[in-house]
């Protein structure tokens, strides 16, 4: 399994933003739901790093300063 720290930024009226660091590469995206955001990020990780999305697990943290 590949574990990555996923930092979420929540807003009252907008999308959920998330970012993760993979091999010194910051990958960020936004979506309406957390599951959709995680799916988007997994596909980006696959595209840029060749890691199978089925092997990715996110460790969630929240950015309370955003």
PDB file of N, CA and C in Angstrom:
ATOM      1  N   UNK A   1       0.842  -1.190   0.000  1.00  0.00           N
ATOM      2  CA  UNK A   1       0.000   0.000   0.000  1.00  0.00           C
ATOM      3  C   UNK A   1       0.878   1.241   0.000  1.00  0.00           C
ATOM      4  N   UNK A   2       0.355   2.283  -0.601  1.00  0.00           N
ATOM      5  CA  UNK A   2       1.013   3.582  -0.642  1.00  0.00           C
ATOM      6  C   UNK A   2       0.180   4.555   0.176  1.00  0.00           C
ATOM      7  N   UNK A   3       0.732   5.014   1.277  1.00  0.00           N
ATOM      8  CA  UNK A   3       0.031   5.950   2.150  1.00  0.00           C
ATOM      9  C   UNK A   3       0.534   7.360   1.892  1.00  0.00           C
ATOM     10  N   UNK A   4      -0.411   8.282   1.690  1.00  0.00           N
ATOM     11  CA  UNK A   4      -0.080   9.678   1.463  1.00  0.00           C
ATOM     12  C   UNK A   4      -0.917  10.548   2.388  1.00  0.00           C
ATOM     13  N   UNK A   5      -0.302  11.589   2.921  1.00  0.00           N
ATOM     14  CA  UNK A   5      -1.007  12.557   3.734  1.00  0.00           C
ATOM     15  C   UNK A   5      -1.824  13.450   2.808  1.00  0.00           C
ATOM     16  N   UNK A   6      -3.130  13.557   3.056  1.00  0.00           N
ATOM     17  CA  UNK A   6      -4.022  14.393   2.264  1.00  0.00           C
ATOM     18  C   UNK A   6      -4.536  15.513   3.154  1.00  0.00           C
ATOM     19  N   UNK A   7      -4.172  16.736   2.815  1.00  0.00           N
ATOM     20  CA  UNK A   7      -4.613  17.904   3.568  1.00  0.00           C
ATOM     21  C   UNK A   7      -5.839  18.485   2.887  1.00  0.00           C
ATOM     22  N   UNK A   8      -6.939  18.592   3.649  1.00  0.00           N
ATOM     23  CA  UNK A   8      -8.198  19.104   3.120  1.00  0.00           C
ATOM     24  C   UNK A   8      -8.431  20.531   3.603  1.00  0.00           C
ATOM     25  N   UNK A   9      -8.924  21.357   2.706  1.00  0.00           N
ATOM     26  CA  UNK A   9      -9.344  22.716   3.032  1.00  0.00           C
ATOM     27  C   UNK A   9     -10.830  22.822   2.714  1.00  0.00           C
ATOM     28  N   UNK A  10     -11.621  23.070   3.723  1.00  0.00           N
ATOM     29  CA  UNK A  10     -13.066  23.122   3.567  1.00  0.00           C
ATOM     30  C   UNK A  10     -13.530  24.573   3.545  1.00  0.00           C
ATOM     31  N   UNK A  11     -14.558  24.856   2.755  1.00  0.00           N
ATOM     32  CA  UNK A  11     -15.162  26.180   2.743  1.00  0.00           C
ATOM     33  C   UNK A  11     -16.673  26.021   2.857  1.00  0.00           C
ATOM     34  N   UNK A  12     -17.326  27.076   3.275  1.00  0.00           N
ATOM     35  CA  UNK A  12     -18.777  26.999   3.473  1.00  0.00           C
ATOM     36  C   UNK A  12     -19.547  26.906   2.162  1.00  0.00           C
ATOM     37  N   UNK A  13     -19.096  27.619   1.142  1.00  0.00           N
ATOM     38  CA  UNK A  13     -19.883  27.708  -0.088  1.00  0.00           C
ATOM     39  C   UNK A  13     -19.165  27.190  -1.327  1.00  0.00           C
ATOM     40  N   UNK A  14     -17.982  26.646  -1.166  1.00  0.00           N
ATOM     41  CA  UNK A  14     -17.225  26.234  -2.335  1.00  0.00           C
ATOM     42  C   UNK A  14     -16.847  24.777  -2.286  1.00  0.00           C
ATOM     43  N   UNK A  15     -15.993  24.395  -3.196  1.00  0.00           N
ATOM     44  CA  UNK A  15     -15.565  22.993  -3.254  1.00  0.00           C
ATOM     45  C   UNK A  15     -14.599  22.656  -2.115  1.00  0.00           C
ATOM     46  N   UNK A  16     -14.337  21.389  -1.956  1.00  0.00           N
ATOM     47  CA  UNK A  16     -13.325  20.907  -1.025  1.00  0.00           C
ATOM     48  C   UNK A  16     -12.009  20.862  -1.787  1.00  0.00           C
ATOM     49  N   UNK A  17     -11.007  21.536  -1.258  1.00  0.00           N
ATOM     50  CA  UNK A  17      -9.676  21.504  -1.864  1.00  0.00           C
ATOM     51  C   UNK A  17      -8.825  20.504  -1.115  1.00  0.00           C
ATOM     52  N   UNK A  18      -7.964  19.813  -1.833  1.00  0.00           N
ATOM     53  CA  UNK A  18      -7.065  18.861  -1.201  1.00  0.00           C
ATOM     54  C   UNK A  18      -5.704  18.898  -1.859  1.00  0.00           C
ATOM     55  N   UNK A  19      -4.692  18.581  -1.062  1.00  0.00           N
ATOM     56  CA  UNK A  19      -3.327  18.537  -1.600  1.00  0.00           C
ATOM     57  C   UNK A  19      -2.566  17.414  -0.924  1.00  0.00           C
ATOM     58  N   UNK A  20      -1.651  16.821  -1.684  1.00  0.00           N
ATOM     59  CA  UNK A  20      -0.801  15.754  -1.183  1.00  0.00           C
ATOM     60  C   UNK A  20       0.566  15.879  -1.838  1.00  0.00           C
ATOM     61  N   UNK A  21       1.564  15.381  -1.172  1.00  0.00           N
ATOM     62  CA  UNK A  21       2.930  15.438  -1.682  1.00  0.00           C
ATOM     63  C   UNK A  21       3.365  14.025  -2.050  1.00  0.00           C
ATOM     64  N   UNK A  22       3.771  13.853  -3.313  1.00  0.00           N
ATOM     65  CA  UNK A  22       4.226  12.561  -3.809  1.00  0.00           C
ATOM     66  C   UNK A  22       5.594  12.773  -4.449  1.00  0.00           C
ATOM     67  N   UNK A  23       6.619  12.182  -3.860  1.00  0.00           N
ATOM     68  CA  UNK A  23       7.983  12.292  -4.392  1.00  0.00           C
ATOM     69  C   UNK A  23       8.351  13.750  -4.672  1.00  0.00           C
ATOM     70  N   UNK A  24       8.155  14.623  -3.704  1.00  0.00           N
ATOM     71  CA  UNK A  24       8.465  16.059  -3.807  1.00  0.00           C
ATOM     72  C   UNK A  24       7.628  16.781  -4.857  1.00  0.00           C
ATOM     73  N   UNK A  25       6.512  16.199  -5.263  1.00  0.00           N
ATOM     74  CA  UNK A  25       5.606  16.806  -6.233  1.00  0.00           C
ATOM     75  C   UNK A  25       4.283  17.093  -5.523  1.00  0.00           C
ATOM     76  N   UNK A  26       3.930  18.381  -5.407  1.00  0.00           N
ATOM     77  CA  UNK A  26       2.670  18.764  -4.782  1.00  0.00           C
ATOM     78  C   UNK A  26       1.537  18.565  -5.791  1.00  0.00           C
ATOM     79  N   UNK A  27       0.564  17.757  -5.416  1.00  0.00           N
ATOM     80  CA  UNK A  27      -0.585  17.482  -6.274  1.00  0.00           C
ATOM     81  C   UNK A  27      -1.819  18.030  -5.561  1.00  0.00           C
ATOM     82  N   UNK A  28      -2.569  18.880  -6.249  1.00  0.00           N
ATOM     83  CA  UNK A  28      -3.739  19.518  -5.653  1.00  0.00           C
ATOM     84  C   UNK A  28      -4.907  19.472  -6.618  1.00  0.00           C
ATOM     85  N   UNK A  29      -6.103  19.451  -6.044  1.00  0.00           N
ATOM     86  CA  UNK A  29      -7.317  19.458  -6.852  1.00  0.00           C
ATOM     87  C   UNK A  29      -8.476  19.878  -5.953  1.00  0.00           C
ATOM     88  N   UNK A  30      -9.650  20.049  -6.542  1.00  0.00           N
ATOM     89  CA  UNK A  30     -10.862  20.395  -5.804  1.00  0.00           C
ATOM     90  C   UNK A  30     -12.021  19.583  -6.352  1.00  0.00           C
ATOM     91  N   UNK A  31     -13.010  19.352  -5.492  1.00  0.00           N
ATOM     92  CA  UNK A  31     -14.214  18.619  -5.902  1.00  0.00           C
ATOM     93  C   UNK A  31     -15.344  18.965  -4.937  1.00  0.00           C
ATOM     94  N   UNK A  32     -16.557  18.562  -5.311  1.00  0.00           N
ATOM     95  CA  UNK A  32     -17.723  18.843  -4.474  1.00  0.00           C
ATOM     96  C   UNK A  32     -17.813  17.930  -3.260  1.00  0.00           C
ATOM     97  N   UNK A  33     -17.219  16.730  -3.340  1.00  0.00           N
ATOM     98  CA  UNK A  33     -17.259  15.791  -2.225  1.00  0.00           C
ATOM     99  C   UNK A  33     -15.861  15.237  -1.971  1.00  0.00           C
ATOM    100  N   UNK A  34     -15.658  14.753  -0.761  1.00  0.00           N
ATOM    101  CA  UNK A  34     -14.360  14.173  -0.431  1.00  0.00           C
ATOM    102  C   UNK A  34     -14.073  12.904  -1.234  1.00  0.00           C
ATOM    103  N   UNK A  35     -15.030  11.998  -1.400  1.00  0.00           N
ATOM    104  CA  UNK A  35     -14.749  10.806  -2.226  1.00  0.00           C
ATOM    105  C   UNK A  35     -14.352  11.161  -3.661  1.00  0.00           C
ATOM    106  N   UNK A  36     -15.013  12.154  -4.256  1.00  0.00           N
ATOM    107  CA  UNK A  36     -14.674  12.569  -5.619  1.00  0.00           C
ATOM    108  C   UNK A  36     -13.283  13.196  -5.656  1.00  0.00           C
ATOM    109  N   UNK A  37     -12.946  13.988  -4.648  1.00  0.00           N
ATOM    110  CA  UNK A  37     -11.615  14.585  -4.563  1.00  0.00           C
ATOM    111  C   UNK A  37     -10.551  13.500  -4.469  1.00  0.00           C
ATOM    112  N   UNK A  38     -10.771  12.510  -3.620  1.00  0.00           N
ATOM    113  CA  UNK A  38      -9.808  11.418  -3.475  1.00  0.00           C
ATOM    114  C   UNK A  38      -9.644  10.659  -4.789  1.00  0.00           C
ATOM    115  N   UNK A  39     -10.742  10.406  -5.492  1.00  0.00           N
ATOM    116  CA  UNK A  39     -10.664   9.712  -6.783  1.00  0.00           C
ATOM    117  C   UNK A  39      -9.874  10.540  -7.791  1.00  0.00           C
ATOM    118  N   UNK A  40     -10.119  11.848  -7.821  1.00  0.00           N
ATOM    119  CA  UNK A  40      -9.385  12.734  -8.739  1.00  0.00           C
ATOM    120  C   UNK A  40      -7.886  12.700  -8.431  1.00  0.00           C
ATOM    121  N   UNK A  41      -7.540  12.811  -7.162  1.00  0.00           N
ATOM    122  CA  UNK A  41      -6.131  12.821  -6.777  1.00  0.00           C
ATOM    123  C   UNK A  41      -5.455  11.490  -7.098  1.00  0.00           C
ATOM    124  N   UNK A  42      -6.159  10.395  -6.888  1.00  0.00           N
ATOM    125  CA  UNK A  42      -5.590   9.084  -7.212  1.00  0.00           C
ATOM    126  C   UNK A  42      -5.289   8.986  -8.704  1.00  0.00           C
ATOM    127  N   UNK A  43      -6.163   9.526  -9.538  1.00  0.00           N
ATOM    128  CA  UNK A  43      -5.920   9.490 -10.980  1.00  0.00           C
ATOM    129  C   UNK A  43      -4.740  10.382 -11.365  1.00  0.00           C
ATOM    130  N   UNK A  44      -4.612  11.524 -10.696  1.00  0.00           N
ATOM    131  CA  UNK A  44      -3.462  12.395 -10.955  1.00  0.00           C
ATOM    132  C   UNK A  44      -2.157  11.721 -10.531  1.00  0.00           C
ATOM    133  N   UNK A  45      -2.189  11.026  -9.399  1.00  0.00           N
ATOM    134  CA  UNK A  45      -0.999  10.308  -8.937  1.00  0.00           C
ATOM    135  C   UNK A  45      -0.641   9.213  -9.935  1.00  0.00           C
ATOM    136  N   UNK A  46      -1.630   8.527 -10.448  1.00  0.00           N
ATOM    137  CA  UNK A  46      -1.369   7.509 -11.472  1.00  0.00           C
ATOM    138  C   UNK A  46      -0.744   8.139 -12.715  1.00  0.00           C
ATOM    139  N   UNK A  47      -1.325   9.249 -13.157  1.00  0.00           N
ATOM    140  CA  UNK A  47      -0.857   9.921 -14.370  1.00  0.00           C
ATOM    141  C   UNK A  47       0.591  10.397 -14.231  1.00  0.00           C
ATOM    142  N   UNK A  48       0.939  10.989 -13.100  1.00  0.00           N
ATOM    143  CA  UNK A  48       2.263  11.593 -12.945  1.00  0.00           C
ATOM    144  C   UNK A  48       3.313  10.659 -12.358  1.00  0.00           C
ATOM    145  N   UNK A  49       2.872   9.629 -11.606  1.00  0.00           N
ATOM    146  CA  UNK A  49       3.848   8.782 -10.917  1.00  0.00           C
ATOM    147  C   UNK A  49       3.688   7.299 -11.198  1.00  0.00           C
ATOM    148  N   UNK A  50       2.669   6.902 -11.963  1.00  0.00           N
ATOM    149  CA  UNK A  50       2.490   5.509 -12.333  1.00  0.00           C
ATOM    150  C   UNK A  50       2.106   4.597 -11.181  1.00  0.00           C
ATOM    151  N   UNK A  51       1.521   5.157 -10.127  1.00  0.00           N
ATOM    152  CA  UNK A  51       1.111   4.356  -8.968  1.00  0.00           C
ATOM    153  C   UNK A  51      -0.349   3.931  -9.154  1.00  0.00           C
ATOM    154  N   UNK A  52      -0.610   2.648  -8.991  1.00  0.00           N
ATOM    155  CA  UNK A  52      -1.958   2.105  -9.137  1.00  0.00           C
ATOM    156  C   UNK A  52      -2.877   2.709  -8.076  1.00  0.00           C
ATOM    157  N   UNK A  53      -3.988   3.351  -8.474  1.00  0.00           N
ATOM    158  CA  UNK A  53      -4.908   3.954  -7.505  1.00  0.00           C
ATOM    159  C   UNK A  53      -5.444   2.974  -6.464  1.00  0.00           C
ATOM    160  N   UNK A  54      -5.549   1.703  -6.816  1.00  0.00           N
ATOM    161  CA  UNK A  54      -6.056   0.701  -5.869  1.00  0.00           C
ATOM    162  C   UNK A  54      -5.115   0.502  -4.688  1.00  0.00           C
ATOM    163  N   UNK A  55      -3.871   0.929  -4.846  1.00  0.00           N
ATOM    164  CA  UNK A  55      -2.889   0.749  -3.762  1.00  0.00           C
ATOM    165  C   UNK A  55      -2.712   2.013  -2.921  1.00  0.00           C
ATOM    166  N   UNK A  56      -3.476   3.058  -3.219  1.00  0.00           N
ATOM    167  CA  UNK A  56      -3.309   4.341  -2.526  1.00  0.00           C
ATOM    168  C   UNK A  56      -4.304   4.461  -1.380  1.00  0.00           C
ATOM    169  N   UNK A  57      -3.779   4.843  -0.222  1.00  0.00           N
ATOM    170  CA  UNK A  57      -4.592   5.167   0.944  1.00  0.00           C
ATOM    171  C   UNK A  57      -4.203   6.565   1.399  1.00  0.00           C
ATOM    172  N   UNK A  58      -5.212   7.386   1.679  1.00  0.00           N
ATOM    173  CA  UNK A  58      -4.935   8.734   2.161  1.00  0.00           C
ATOM    174  C   UNK A  58      -5.112   8.800   3.677  1.00  0.00           C
ATOM    175  N   UNK A  59      -4.175   9.478   4.307  1.00  0.00           N
ATOM    176  CA  UNK A  59      -4.275   9.813   5.727  1.00  0.00           C
ATOM    177  C   UNK A  59      -4.755  11.258   5.758  1.00  0.00           C
ATOM    178  N   UNK A  60      -5.938  11.486   6.291  1.00  0.00           N
ATOM    179  CA  UNK A  60      -6.593  12.781   6.191  1.00  0.00           C
ATOM    180  C   UNK A  60      -6.183  13.703   7.335  1.00  0.00           C
ATOM    181  N   UNK A  61      -5.881  14.962   6.977  1.00  0.00           N
ATOM    182  CA  UNK A  61      -5.711  16.029   7.956  1.00  0.00           C
ATOM    183  C   UNK A  61      -6.430  17.248   7.406  1.00  0.00           C
ATOM    184  N   UNK A  62      -6.797  18.155   8.299  1.00  0.00           N
ATOM    185  CA  UNK A  62      -7.534  19.345   7.909  1.00  0.00           C
ATOM    186  C   UNK A  62      -6.697  20.587   8.115  1.00  0.00           C
ATOM    187  N   UNK A  63      -6.696  21.466   7.121  1.00  0.00           N
ATOM    188  CA  UNK A  63      -6.001  22.740   7.230  1.00  0.00           C
ATOM    189  C   UNK A  63      -6.980  23.726   7.861  1.00  0.00           C
ATOM    190  N   UNK A  64      -6.766  24.044   9.112  1.00  0.00           N
ATOM    191  CA  UNK A  64      -7.681  24.941   9.827  1.00  0.00           C
ATOM    192  C   UNK A  64      -7.318  26.402   9.653  1.00  0.00           C
ATOM    193  N   UNK A  65      -6.241  26.682   8.926  1.00  0.00           N
ATOM    194  CA  UNK A  65      -5.799  28.049   8.708  1.00  0.00           C
ATOM    195  C   UNK A  65      -6.220  28.579   7.355  1.00  0.00           C
ATOM    196  N   UNK A  66      -6.852  27.772   6.553  1.00  0.00           N
ATOM    197  CA  UNK A  66      -7.235  28.171   5.188  1.00  0.00           C
ATOM    198  C   UNK A  66      -8.434  29.090   5.223  1.00  0.00           C
TER     199      UNK A  66
END
